[in-house]
Amino acid sequence: MDTKDSNGNILQDGDAVHVVKDLKIKGMPTTLKRGNVIKNIRLTNSLDEVECRIGKSQVVLKTMFLKKA
């Protein structure tokens, strides 16, 4: 199976994605605003999660809140 974003596009390692919705992340004082671009994502074993780096933190995000850039 392939990992897909909110629009159904197939995601691969190293892709850039846009955040579709404002997201509060546990342990971070700020929120990810809608439209932020996250570069160089990594796929995980789960089909509905990707791993990325925001600042100095490693974060796992659900693909339902992302769209391919």
PDB file of N, CA and C in Angstrom:
ATOM      1  N   MET A   1       0.841  -1.190   0.000  1.00  0.00           N
ATOM      2  CA  MET A   1       0.000   0.000   0.000  1.00  0.00           C
ATOM      3  C   MET A   1       0.882   1.249   0.000  1.00  0.00           C
ATOM      4  N   ASP A   2       0.306   2.333  -0.494  1.00  0.00           N
ATOM      5  CA  ASP A   2       1.035   3.597  -0.573  1.00  0.00           C
ATOM      6  C   ASP A   2       0.516   4.573   0.469  1.00  0.00           C
ATOM      7  N   THR A   3       1.409   5.438   0.946  1.00  0.00           N
ATOM      8  CA  THR A   3       1.025   6.502   1.851  1.00  0.00           C
ATOM      9  C   THR A   3       0.482   7.657   1.027  1.00  0.00           C
ATOM     10  N   LYS A   4      -0.727   8.128   1.362  1.00  0.00           N
ATOM     11  CA  LYS A   4      -1.371   9.181   0.581  1.00  0.00           C
ATOM     12  C   LYS A   4      -1.693  10.378   1.458  1.00  0.00           C
ATOM     13  N   ASP A   5      -1.675  11.571   0.845  1.00  0.00           N
ATOM     14  CA  ASP A   5      -2.020  12.793   1.564  1.00  0.00           C
ATOM     15  C   ASP A   5      -3.535  12.984   1.591  1.00  0.00           C
ATOM     16  N   SER A   6      -3.999  14.145   2.045  1.00  0.00           N
ATOM     17  CA  SER A   6      -5.433  14.391   2.177  1.00  0.00           C
ATOM     18  C   SER A   6      -6.148  14.437   0.834  1.00  0.00           C
ATOM     19  N   ASN A   7      -5.431  14.731  -0.249  1.00  0.00           N
ATOM     20  CA  ASN A   7      -6.037  14.783  -1.581  1.00  0.00           C
ATOM     21  C   ASN A   7      -5.890  13.483  -2.360  1.00  0.00           C
ATOM     22  N   GLY A   8      -5.210  12.500  -1.799  1.00  0.00           N
ATOM     23  CA  GLY A   8      -5.039  11.218  -2.466  1.00  0.00           C
ATOM     24  C   GLY A   8      -3.755  11.093  -3.261  1.00  0.00           C
ATOM     25  N   ASN A   9      -2.885  12.089  -3.202  1.00  0.00           N
ATOM     26  CA  ASN A   9      -1.594  12.009  -3.886  1.00  0.00           C
ATOM     27  C   ASN A   9      -0.647  11.112  -3.105  1.00  0.00           C
ATOM     28  N   ILE A  10       0.172  10.347  -3.796  1.00  0.00           N
ATOM     29  CA  ILE A  10       1.105   9.426  -3.152  1.00  0.00           C
ATOM     30  C   ILE A  10       2.323  10.205  -2.652  1.00  0.00           C
ATOM     31  N   LEU A  11       2.676   9.964  -1.378  1.00  0.00           N
ATOM     32  CA  LEU A  11       3.837  10.614  -0.763  1.00  0.00           C
ATOM     33  C   LEU A  11       5.028   9.680  -0.791  1.00  0.00           C
ATOM     34  N   GLN A  12       6.230  10.269  -0.939  1.00  0.00           N
ATOM     35  CA  GLN A  12       7.475   9.509  -0.927  1.00  0.00           C
ATOM     36  C   GLN A  12       8.454  10.190   0.018  1.00  0.00           C
ATOM     37  N   ASP A  13       9.509   9.467   0.399  1.00  0.00           N
ATOM     38  CA  ASP A  13      10.553  10.055   1.234  1.00  0.00           C
ATOM     39  C   ASP A  13      11.150  11.275   0.541  1.00  0.00           C
ATOM     40  N   GLY A  14      11.361  12.355   1.298  1.00  0.00           N
ATOM     41  CA  GLY A  14      11.994  13.545   0.765  1.00  0.00           C
ATOM     42  C   GLY A  14      11.034  14.556   0.160  1.00  0.00           C
ATOM     43  N   ASP A  15       9.738  14.250   0.107  1.00  0.00           N
ATOM     44  CA  ASP A  15       8.763  15.196  -0.436  1.00  0.00           C
ATOM     45  C   ASP A  15       8.579  16.390   0.490  1.00  0.00           C
ATOM     46  N   ALA A  16       8.033  17.460  -0.068  1.00  0.00           N
ATOM     47  CA  ALA A  16       7.630  18.624   0.712  1.00  0.00           C
ATOM     48  C   ALA A  16       6.104  18.627   0.784  1.00  0.00           C
ATOM     49  N   VAL A  17       5.565  19.004   1.934  1.00  0.00           N
ATOM     50  CA  VAL A  17       4.116  19.016   2.124  1.00  0.00           C
ATOM     51  C   VAL A  17       3.677  20.338   2.749  1.00  0.00           C
ATOM     52  N   HIS A  18       2.408  20.692   2.521  1.00  0.00           N
ATOM     53  CA  HIS A  18       1.767  21.846   3.144  1.00  0.00           C
ATOM     54  C   HIS A  18       0.871  21.351   4.260  1.00  0.00           C
ATOM     55  N   VAL A  19       0.756  22.143   5.335  1.00  0.00           N
ATOM     56  CA  VAL A  19      -0.171  21.834   6.418  1.00  0.00           C
ATOM     57  C   VAL A  19      -1.533  22.387   6.034  1.00  0.00           C
ATOM     58  N   VAL A  20      -2.593  21.578   6.144  1.00  0.00           N
ATOM     59  CA  VAL A  20      -3.934  21.955   5.712  1.00  0.00           C
ATOM     60  C   VAL A  20      -4.710  22.659   6.823  1.00  0.00           C
ATOM     61  N   LYS A  21      -4.345  22.414   8.084  1.00  0.00           N
ATOM     62  CA  LYS A  21      -5.099  22.912   9.221  1.00  0.00           C
ATOM     63  C   LYS A  21      -4.114  23.331  10.308  1.00  0.00           C
ATOM     64  N   ASP A  22      -4.476  24.343  11.118  1.00  0.00           N
ATOM     65  CA  ASP A  22      -3.634  24.719  12.251  1.00  0.00           C
ATOM     66  C   ASP A  22      -3.537  23.538  13.214  1.00  0.00           C
ATOM     67  N   LEU A  23      -2.309  23.191  13.599  1.00  0.00           N
ATOM     68  CA  LEU A  23      -2.096  22.028  14.461  1.00  0.00           C
ATOM     69  C   LEU A  23      -1.351  22.433  15.731  1.00  0.00           C
ATOM     70  N   LYS A  24      -1.897  22.060  16.875  1.00  0.00           N
ATOM     71  CA  LYS A  24      -1.186  22.224  18.138  1.00  0.00           C
ATOM     72  C   LYS A  24      -0.383  20.956  18.360  1.00  0.00           C
ATOM     73  N   ILE A  25       0.895  21.107  18.672  1.00  0.00           N
ATOM     74  CA  ILE A  25       1.762  19.946  18.848  1.00  0.00           C
ATOM     75  C   ILE A  25       2.191  19.884  20.308  1.00  0.00           C
ATOM     76  N   LYS A  26       2.023  18.714  20.902  1.00  0.00           N
ATOM     77  CA  LYS A  26       2.400  18.532  22.302  1.00  0.00           C
ATOM     78  C   LYS A  26       3.891  18.778  22.478  1.00  0.00           C
ATOM     79  N   GLY A  27       4.238  19.526  23.517  1.00  0.00           N
ATOM     80  CA  GLY A  27       5.634  19.772  23.825  1.00  0.00           C
ATOM     81  C   GLY A  27       6.233  20.957  23.099  1.00  0.00           C
ATOM     82  N   MET A  28       5.481  21.584  22.187  1.00  0.00           N
ATOM     83  CA  MET A  28       5.983  22.762  21.482  1.00  0.00           C
ATOM     84  C   MET A  28       5.146  23.974  21.884  1.00  0.00           C
ATOM     85  N   PRO A  29       5.781  25.105  22.130  1.00  0.00           N
ATOM     86  CA  PRO A  29       5.026  26.290  22.549  1.00  0.00           C
ATOM     87  C   PRO A  29       4.222  26.941  21.415  1.00  0.00           C
ATOM     88  N   THR A  30       4.586  26.689  20.174  1.00  0.00           N
ATOM     89  CA  THR A  30       3.891  27.312  19.051  1.00  0.00           C
ATOM     90  C   THR A  30       3.040  26.284  18.324  1.00  0.00           C
ATOM     91  N   THR A  31       2.172  26.779  17.449  1.00  0.00           N
ATOM     92  CA  THR A  31       1.354  25.881  16.632  1.00  0.00           C
ATOM     93  C   THR A  31       1.849  25.922  15.199  1.00  0.00           C
ATOM     94  N   LEU A  32       1.580  24.861  14.462  1.00  0.00           N
ATOM     95  CA  LEU A  32       1.870  24.845  13.030  1.00  0.00           C
ATOM     96  C   LEU A  32       0.700  25.513  12.337  1.00  0.00           C
ATOM     97  N   LYS A  33       0.944  26.589  11.655  1.00  0.00           N
ATOM     98  CA  LYS A  33      -0.118  27.324  10.981  1.00  0.00           C
ATOM     99  C   LYS A  33      -0.440  26.697   9.633  1.00  0.00           C
ATOM    100  N   ARG A  34      -1.668  26.905   9.214  1.00  0.00           N
ATOM    101  CA  ARG A  34      -2.125  26.409   7.916  1.00  0.00           C
ATOM    102  C   ARG A  34      -1.275  27.026   6.809  1.00  0.00           C
ATOM    103  N   GLY A  35      -0.820  26.220   5.874  1.00  0.00           N
ATOM    104  CA  GLY A  35      -0.021  26.696   4.758  1.00  0.00           C
ATOM    105  C   GLY A  35       1.474  26.573   4.956  1.00  0.00           C
ATOM    106  N   ASN A  36       1.925  26.233   6.158  1.00  0.00           N
ATOM    107  CA  ASN A  36       3.363  26.043   6.378  1.00  0.00           C
ATOM    108  C   ASN A  36       3.871  24.901   5.510  1.00  0.00           C
ATOM    109  N   VAL A  37       5.069  25.081   4.984  1.00  0.00           N
ATOM    110  CA  VAL A  37       5.684  24.040   4.162  1.00  0.00           C
ATOM    111  C   VAL A  37       6.669  23.266   5.026  1.00  0.00           C
ATOM    112  N   ILE A  38       6.563  21.950   4.979  1.00  0.00           N
ATOM    113  CA  ILE A  38       7.489  21.063   5.687  1.00  0.00           C
ATOM    114  C   ILE A  38       8.238  20.281   4.624  1.00  0.00           C
ATOM    115  N   LYS A  39       9.554  20.406   4.635  1.00  0.00           N
ATOM    116  CA  LYS A  39      10.380  19.757   3.619  1.00  0.00           C
ATOM    117  C   LYS A  39      10.987  18.481   4.156  1.00  0.00           C
ATOM    118  N   ASN A  40      11.328  17.602   3.246  1.00  0.00           N
ATOM    119  CA  ASN A  40      12.085  16.384   3.545  1.00  0.00           C
ATOM    120  C   ASN A  40      11.391  15.495   4.576  1.00  0.00           C
ATOM    121  N   ILE A  41      10.180  15.045   4.252  1.00  0.00           N
ATOM    122  CA  ILE A  41       9.469  14.134   5.147  1.00  0.00           C
ATOM    123  C   ILE A  41      10.026  12.728   5.000  1.00  0.00           C
ATOM    124  N   ARG A  42       9.770  11.896   6.011  1.00  0.00           N
ATOM    125  CA  ARG A  42      10.156  10.488   5.960  1.00  0.00           C
ATOM    126  C   ARG A  42       8.928   9.645   6.261  1.00  0.00           C
ATOM    127  N   LEU A  43       8.755   8.574   5.522  1.00  0.00           N
ATOM    128  CA  LEU A  43       7.633   7.681   5.736  1.00  0.00           C
ATOM    129  C   LEU A  43       7.915   6.771   6.927  1.00  0.00           C
ATOM    130  N   THR A  44       6.858   6.371   7.618  1.00  0.00           N
ATOM    131  CA  THR A  44       6.980   5.460   8.748  1.00  0.00           C
ATOM    132  C   THR A  44       6.336   4.132   8.376  1.00  0.00           C
ATOM    133  N   ASN A  45       6.305   3.204   9.297  1.00  0.00           N
ATOM    134  CA  ASN A  45       5.666   1.909   9.049  1.00  0.00           C
ATOM    135  C   ASN A  45       4.159   2.039   8.923  1.00  0.00           C
ATOM    136  N   SER A  46       3.589   3.064   9.549  1.00  0.00           N
ATOM    137  CA  SER A  46       2.151   3.298   9.474  1.00  0.00           C
ATOM    138  C   SER A  46       1.819   4.065   8.195  1.00  0.00           C
ATOM    139  N   LEU A  47       0.735   3.693   7.531  1.00  0.00           N
ATOM    140  CA  LEU A  47       0.360   4.344   6.273  1.00  0.00           C
ATOM    141  C   LEU A  47      -0.228   5.738   6.466  1.00  0.00           C
ATOM    142  N   ASP A  48      -0.699   6.058   7.678  1.00  0.00           N
ATOM    143  CA  ASP A  48      -1.332   7.360   7.887  1.00  0.00           C
ATOM    144  C   ASP A  48      -0.480   8.310   8.720  1.00  0.00           C
ATOM    145  N   GLU A  49       0.834   8.061   8.796  1.00  0.00           N
ATOM    146  CA  GLU A  49       1.733   8.934   9.549  1.00  0.00           C
ATOM    147  C   GLU A  49       3.032   9.160   8.777  1.00  0.00           C
ATOM    148  N   VAL A  50       3.583  10.372   8.899  1.00  0.00           N
ATOM    149  CA  VAL A  50       4.901  10.686   8.363  1.00  0.00           C
ATOM    150  C   VAL A  50       5.714  11.355   9.467  1.00  0.00           C
ATOM    151  N   GLU A  51       7.023  11.248   9.357  1.00  0.00           N
ATOM    152  CA  GLU A  51       7.933  11.833  10.325  1.00  0.00           C
ATOM    153  C   GLU A  51       8.636  13.010   9.671  1.00  0.00           C
ATOM    154  N   CYS A  52       8.779  14.108  10.414  1.00  0.00           N
ATOM    155  CA  CYS A  52       9.457  15.276   9.857  1.00  0.00           C
ATOM    156  C   CYS A  52      10.180  16.025  10.966  1.00  0.00           C
ATOM    157  N   ARG A  53      10.978  16.953  10.559  1.00  0.00           N
ATOM    158  CA  ARG A  53      11.738  17.768  11.499  1.00  0.00           C
ATOM    159  C   ARG A  53      11.196  19.185  11.449  1.00  0.00           C
ATOM    160  N   ILE A  54      10.814  19.707  12.620  1.00  0.00           N
ATOM    161  CA  ILE A  54      10.351  21.084  12.739  1.00  0.00           C
ATOM    162  C   ILE A  54      11.252  21.758  13.755  1.00  0.00           C
ATOM    163  N   GLY A  55      12.055  22.694  13.288  1.00  0.00           N
ATOM    164  CA  GLY A  55      13.063  23.284  14.164  1.00  0.00           C
ATOM    165  C   GLY A  55      14.094  22.229  14.506  1.00  0.00           C
ATOM    166  N   LYS A  56      14.262  21.970  15.810  1.00  0.00           N
ATOM    167  CA  LYS A  56      15.192  20.929  16.243  1.00  0.00           C
ATOM    168  C   LYS A  56      14.464  19.676  16.703  1.00  0.00           C
ATOM    169  N   SER A  57      13.151  19.645  16.556  1.00  0.00           N
ATOM    170  CA  SER A  57      12.352  18.528  17.051  1.00  0.00           C
ATOM    171  C   SER A  57      11.947  17.575  15.933  1.00  0.00           C
ATOM    172  N   GLN A  58      11.896  16.293  16.245  1.00  0.00           N
ATOM    173  CA  GLN A  58      11.353  15.284  15.349  1.00  0.00           C
ATOM    174  C   GLN A  58       9.874  15.134  15.693  1.00  0.00           C
ATOM    175  N   VAL A  59       8.993  15.232  14.705  1.00  0.00           N
ATOM    176  CA  VAL A  59       7.558  15.199  14.931  1.00  0.00           C
ATOM    177  C   VAL A  59       6.931  14.191  13.980  1.00  0.00           C
ATOM    178  N   VAL A  60       5.915  13.487  14.466  1.00  0.00           N
ATOM    179  CA  VAL A  60       5.138  12.574  13.623  1.00  0.00           C
ATOM    180  C   VAL A  60       3.786  13.228  13.374  1.00  0.00           C
ATOM    181  N   LEU A  61       3.421  13.371  12.094  1.00  0.00           N
ATOM    182  CA  LEU A  61       2.165  14.021  11.729  1.00  0.00           C
ATOM    183  C   LEU A  61       1.267  13.044  10.978  1.00  0.00           C
ATOM    184  N   LYS A  62      -0.038  13.222  11.144  1.00  0.00           N
ATOM    185  CA  LYS A  62      -1.020  12.424  10.405  1.00  0.00           C
ATOM    186  C   LYS A  62      -1.119  12.964   8.983  1.00  0.00           C
ATOM    187  N   THR A  63      -1.238  12.070   8.022  1.00  0.00           N
ATOM    188  CA  THR A  63      -1.294  12.491   6.620  1.00  0.00           C
ATOM    189  C   THR A  63      -2.614  13.160   6.267  1.00  0.00           C
ATOM    190  N   MET A  64      -3.646  13.016   7.084  1.00  0.00           N
ATOM    191  CA  MET A  64      -4.928  13.653   6.798  1.00  0.00           C
ATOM    192  C   MET A  64      -4.845  15.177   6.921  1.00  0.00           C
ATOM    193  N   PHE A  65      -3.788  15.694   7.560  1.00  0.00           N
ATOM    194  CA  PHE A  65      -3.614  17.129   7.716  1.00  0.00           C
ATOM    195  C   PHE A  65      -2.556  17.701   6.775  1.00  0.00           C
ATOM    196  N   LEU A  66      -2.098  16.909   5.806  1.00  0.00           N
ATOM    197  CA  LEU A  66      -1.039  17.334   4.892  1.00  0.00           C
ATOM    198  C   LEU A  66      -1.475  17.201   3.454  1.00  0.00           C
ATOM    199  N   LYS A  67      -0.921  18.070   2.588  1.00  0.00           N
ATOM    200  CA  LYS A  67      -1.098  17.883   1.144  1.00  0.00           C
ATOM    201  C   LYS A  67       0.253  18.107   0.481  1.00  0.00           C
ATOM    202  N   LYS A  68       0.482  17.391  -0.590  1.00  0.00           N
ATOM    203  CA  LYS A  68       1.770  17.422  -1.280  1.00  0.00           C
ATOM    204  C   LYS A  68       1.990  18.796  -1.894  1.00  0.00           C
ATOM    205  N   ALA A  69       3.213  19.317  -1.748  1.00  0.00           N
ATOM    206  CA  ALA A  69       3.545  20.645  -2.285  1.00  0.00           C
ATOM    207  C   ALA A  69       3.892  20.573  -3.758  1.00  0.00           C
TER     208      ALA A  69
END
